[in-house]
Protein backbone atom coordinates (compact mmCIF):
# COMPACT_ATOMS: atom_id res chain seq x y z
CA MET A 1 53.93 86.59 -0.70
CA PRO A 2 51.60 88.96 -2.77
CA ASP A 3 52.43 93.00 -2.84
CA SER A 4 50.18 94.40 0.13
CA ALA A 5 49.24 97.62 -2.43
CA LEU A 6 48.17 95.54 -4.96
CA PRO A 7 44.70 94.91 -5.76
CA VAL A 8 42.90 92.57 -3.74
CA LEU A 9 40.49 90.02 -5.35
CA TYR A 10 38.04 87.61 -3.61
CA SER A 11 37.15 85.37 -5.75
CA PHE A 12 35.30 82.03 -6.12
CA ARG A 13 37.08 79.08 -8.50
CA ARG A 14 34.42 77.69 -10.29
CA CYS A 15 31.76 80.90 -10.04
CA PRO A 16 31.16 81.62 -14.09
CA TYR A 17 31.57 85.08 -13.18
CA ALA A 18 34.31 85.10 -11.26
CA MET A 19 35.98 82.98 -13.99
CA ARG A 20 35.47 85.32 -16.89
CA ALA A 21 37.72 88.45 -14.20
CA ARG A 22 40.06 85.94 -13.83
CA LEU A 23 40.74 85.88 -17.41
CA ALA A 24 40.52 89.13 -18.50
CA LEU A 25 43.27 89.75 -14.94
CA VAL A 26 45.69 86.41 -17.33
CA ALA A 27 45.22 88.58 -20.43
CA SER A 28 45.90 92.15 -18.97
CA ALA A 29 48.56 91.05 -16.97
CA GLN A 30 47.25 93.06 -14.15
CA PRO A 31 48.98 91.86 -10.67
CA CYS A 32 47.17 91.13 -7.73
CA GLU A 33 45.98 89.68 -4.46
CA LEU A 34 43.93 86.19 -4.62
CA ARG A 35 41.99 85.06 -2.16
CA GLU A 36 39.81 81.99 -2.87
CA ILE A 37 36.64 81.65 -0.21
CA GLU A 38 33.88 79.27 -0.08
CA LEU A 39 31.01 80.06 -0.36
CA LYS A 40 29.12 78.53 2.51
CA ARG A 41 31.71 81.36 4.61
CA LYS A 42 32.13 83.90 3.05
CA PRO A 43 34.58 86.31 5.21
CA ALA A 44 34.09 89.25 6.55
CA GLU A 45 36.57 91.43 5.29
CA MET A 46 34.55 89.90 1.89
CA LEU A 47 31.80 91.78 3.22
CA ALA A 48 32.36 94.74 5.15
CA ALA A 49 34.39 95.98 1.36
CA SER A 50 30.68 94.17 -0.54
CA PRO A 51 27.87 93.42 0.89
CA LYS A 52 26.44 91.70 -1.43
CA GLY A 53 28.56 88.60 -1.13
CA THR A 54 28.85 87.58 -4.05
CA VAL A 55 31.68 87.11 -6.49
CA PRO A 56 33.44 88.65 -7.42
CA VAL A 57 35.20 91.53 -5.91
CA LEU A 58 38.05 93.62 -6.51
CA VAL A 59 39.29 95.80 -3.59
CA LEU A 60 41.44 98.55 -4.90
CA ASP A 61 43.45 101.51 -3.29
CA GLY A 62 43.43 100.12 -0.22
CA GLY A 63 40.19 100.16 -0.25
CA THR A 64 38.83 102.90 -1.47
CA ALA A 65 37.38 101.48 -4.23
CA VAL A 66 35.68 98.14 -5.33
CA LEU A 67 34.76 96.82 -8.25
CA GLU A 68 31.64 94.47 -7.47
CA GLN A 69 30.28 92.97 -10.89
CA SER A 70 32.56 91.22 -13.24
CA LEU A 71 32.08 93.07 -16.39
CA ASP A 72 33.58 95.86 -14.62
CA VAL A 73 37.24 94.12 -13.80
CA MET A 74 37.58 92.54 -17.17
CA LEU A 75 36.82 96.15 -18.35
CA TRP A 76 39.21 97.95 -15.97
CA ALA A 77 41.56 95.32 -16.17
CA LEU A 78 41.80 96.09 -19.94
CA ARG A 79 41.61 99.02 -19.52
CA ARG A 80 44.90 99.76 -17.84
CA ASN A 81 46.72 96.66 -20.09
CA ASP A 82 45.66 94.88 -22.95
CA PRO A 83 48.08 93.27 -25.02
CA LEU A 84 45.80 90.94 -27.20
CA GLY A 85 43.56 93.31 -28.46
CA TRP A 86 40.01 92.21 -26.15
CA LEU A 87 38.57 95.81 -26.57
CA ALA A 88 39.78 95.77 -30.43
CA PRO A 89 37.29 93.70 -32.09
CA GLU A 90 38.01 92.98 -35.68
CA ARG A 91 34.46 92.88 -36.30
CA GLY A 92 31.79 95.48 -34.28
CA THR A 93 32.74 97.81 -31.96
CA VAL A 94 32.90 97.59 -28.09
CA ASP A 95 29.23 98.23 -27.41
CA ASP A 96 29.09 95.30 -29.85
CA LEU A 97 30.70 92.83 -27.28
CA LEU A 98 29.12 94.52 -24.29
CA ALA A 99 25.76 94.02 -25.80
CA LEU A 100 26.47 90.66 -26.61
CA VAL A 101 27.55 90.54 -23.30
CA ALA A 102 24.27 91.98 -21.64
CA THR A 103 22.84 89.36 -23.93
CA CYS A 104 24.19 86.14 -21.91
CA ASP A 105 23.46 87.38 -18.17
CA ASN A 106 20.01 89.12 -18.91
CA ASP A 107 19.17 85.85 -21.69
CA PHE A 108 21.02 83.08 -21.75
CA LYS A 109 22.03 83.17 -17.99
CA PRO A 110 18.58 82.38 -16.63
CA LEU A 111 18.06 79.26 -18.72
CA LEU A 112 21.50 78.02 -17.72
CA ASP A 113 20.19 78.35 -14.56
CA ARG A 114 16.94 76.26 -14.65
CA TYR A 115 18.43 73.81 -17.02
CA LYS A 116 21.24 73.19 -14.96
CA TYR A 117 18.98 72.78 -11.90
CA PRO A 118 15.19 71.62 -12.83
CA ALA A 119 14.48 70.75 -9.60
CA ARG A 120 14.01 74.30 -8.56
CA HIS A 121 12.21 74.39 -11.92
CA PRO A 122 9.59 71.65 -12.34
CA ALA A 123 8.84 71.01 -15.43
CA SER A 124 11.30 73.50 -17.09
CA GLU A 125 14.10 71.48 -17.97
CA GLY A 126 13.31 70.59 -21.91
CA SER A 127 12.25 73.66 -22.50
CA ALA A 128 15.25 75.84 -20.53
CA ARG A 129 16.96 73.78 -22.70
CA ASP A 130 16.09 74.63 -25.67
CA GLU A 131 15.96 78.00 -25.23
CA GLY A 132 19.27 78.16 -24.50
CA GLY A 133 19.97 76.42 -27.89
CA ARG A 134 19.06 79.16 -29.55
CA PHE A 135 20.78 81.32 -28.10
CA LEU A 136 23.91 78.90 -29.01
CA GLN A 137 23.51 78.58 -32.10
CA GLY A 138 23.69 82.25 -32.74
CA LEU A 139 26.82 81.72 -31.27
CA GLU A 140 27.52 78.56 -34.09
CA ASP A 141 26.38 81.44 -36.99
CA ARG A 142 28.85 83.95 -35.54
CA LEU A 143 31.17 81.60 -36.11
CA ALA A 144 30.84 80.71 -39.03
CA MET A 145 31.87 84.09 -39.87
CA SER A 146 35.10 83.76 -37.69
CA ALA A 147 36.95 81.66 -35.60
CA GLN A 148 35.86 83.88 -32.15
CA LEU A 149 32.76 85.24 -31.83
CA ALA A 150 34.07 88.96 -33.70
CA GLY A 151 37.19 88.25 -34.83
CA ALA A 152 40.12 86.45 -35.65
CA HIS A 153 41.81 87.36 -31.85
CA ALA A 154 39.98 86.57 -28.92
CA THR A 155 37.46 89.34 -27.67
CA LEU A 156 36.32 90.86 -24.27
CA ALA A 157 32.77 88.71 -25.30
CA ASP A 158 34.44 84.71 -25.94
CA ALA A 159 35.86 84.81 -22.81
CA ALA A 160 33.16 86.49 -21.00
CA LEU A 161 30.27 83.83 -22.37
CA MET A 162 32.97 80.77 -22.22
CA PRO A 163 32.55 80.52 -18.39
CA PHE A 164 28.58 79.67 -19.20
CA VAL A 165 28.55 78.19 -22.74
CA ARG A 166 31.46 76.03 -20.52
CA GLN A 167 28.27 75.18 -17.58
CA PHE A 168 25.38 75.34 -20.40
CA ALA A 169 27.46 71.97 -21.93
CA MET A 170 28.81 70.02 -18.74
CA VAL A 171 24.85 70.17 -17.20
CA ASP A 172 24.41 66.61 -19.71
CA MET A 173 28.01 66.61 -22.17
CA ALA A 174 26.99 63.51 -24.64
CA TRP A 175 23.70 66.29 -25.89
CA PHE A 176 25.77 69.43 -26.10
CA ASP A 177 28.28 66.97 -28.18
CA GLY A 178 25.41 65.77 -30.81
CA GLN A 179 24.57 69.40 -31.67
CA PRO A 180 24.95 70.97 -34.32
CA TRP A 181 27.37 72.28 -33.61
CA PRO A 182 30.87 71.86 -34.84
CA ARG A 183 31.95 75.93 -34.55
CA LEU A 184 31.13 76.58 -31.46
CA GLN A 185 32.11 72.84 -29.35
CA ALA A 186 35.24 73.50 -31.37
CA TRP A 187 35.53 77.04 -29.86
CA LEU A 188 35.08 76.13 -26.04
CA ALA A 189 37.31 72.97 -26.25
CA GLY A 190 40.16 75.05 -27.46
CA TRP A 191 39.53 77.85 -24.53
CA ILE A 192 38.88 75.25 -22.36
CA GLY A 193 42.63 73.64 -23.54
CA SER A 194 44.05 77.31 -23.29
CA GLU A 195 47.07 77.72 -21.25
CA MET A 196 44.94 81.56 -19.96
CA PHE A 197 41.86 78.39 -18.60
CA ALA A 198 44.95 76.94 -17.05
CA ARG A 199 46.50 79.37 -15.21
CA ALA A 200 43.05 80.92 -14.99
CA MET A 201 41.62 78.09 -13.10
CA VAL A 202 44.28 77.31 -11.24
CA LYS A 203 43.06 75.34 -7.34
CA HIS A 204 43.72 77.11 -4.19
CA ALA A 205 43.35 76.42 -0.84
CA PRO A 206 40.28 79.30 0.94
CA TRP A 207 42.01 82.15 2.55
CA GLN A 208 41.98 82.09 6.01
CA ALA A 209 42.40 85.83 7.76
CA GLY A 210 45.14 87.49 8.79
CA THR A 211 47.52 85.24 6.67
CA PRO A 212 48.56 86.84 2.72
CA GLY A 213 46.65 85.32 -0.61
CA VAL A 214 47.95 83.88 -3.43
CA SER A 215 49.99 86.01 -6.28
CA PHE A 216 47.82 86.26 -9.79
CA PRO A 217 48.16 85.84 -11.98
CA PRO A 218 50.63 82.41 -12.27
CA LEU A 219 52.88 82.29 -14.23
CA PRO A 220 53.14 80.76 -17.11
CA ALA A 221 53.63 77.37 -16.96
């Protein structure tokens, strides 16, 4: 049973924003109480803490502080403990990492939505895929210089972008695998096959009000 004094994380397993937050919590070994939610049945406790109703939401100090953006959760965790150097890129600065994340969130994510949900965006699937592909080509070019996006070891940018690249690839995996992006494909496969990803993606039943959440991160296998 989690400690009631721990931060409380409201999350939805498949949401890429929540995924990146959980990855940072795993990387920092920051304990919290995880409350998995159902998007169609958002708990009143979460909405009271964060009326915007999206995940992730990290409630700190018994509700005296609330982090409502995935990047804020990542930075909070990593600034407390960063044993893997996710805020210490070998190439560039933390500001460069944040700029790359901003490009993903502001430019690539809308293209991903158009590509993934063509019925909502008539006649846009092909162009969205092509435009998104240009962003992915840029990542391929970065990976030509190093195993991760900012050097030999992973950083905040790798963890923040990977869930969205994964989602883009899963729309049509055969198409993605057929693109001339061998480094990006290997980078994505490496993340998906990692112990860290497995720990971040453990399935849990939806949280029920009045019951404790689960301890997070889970122990290594």
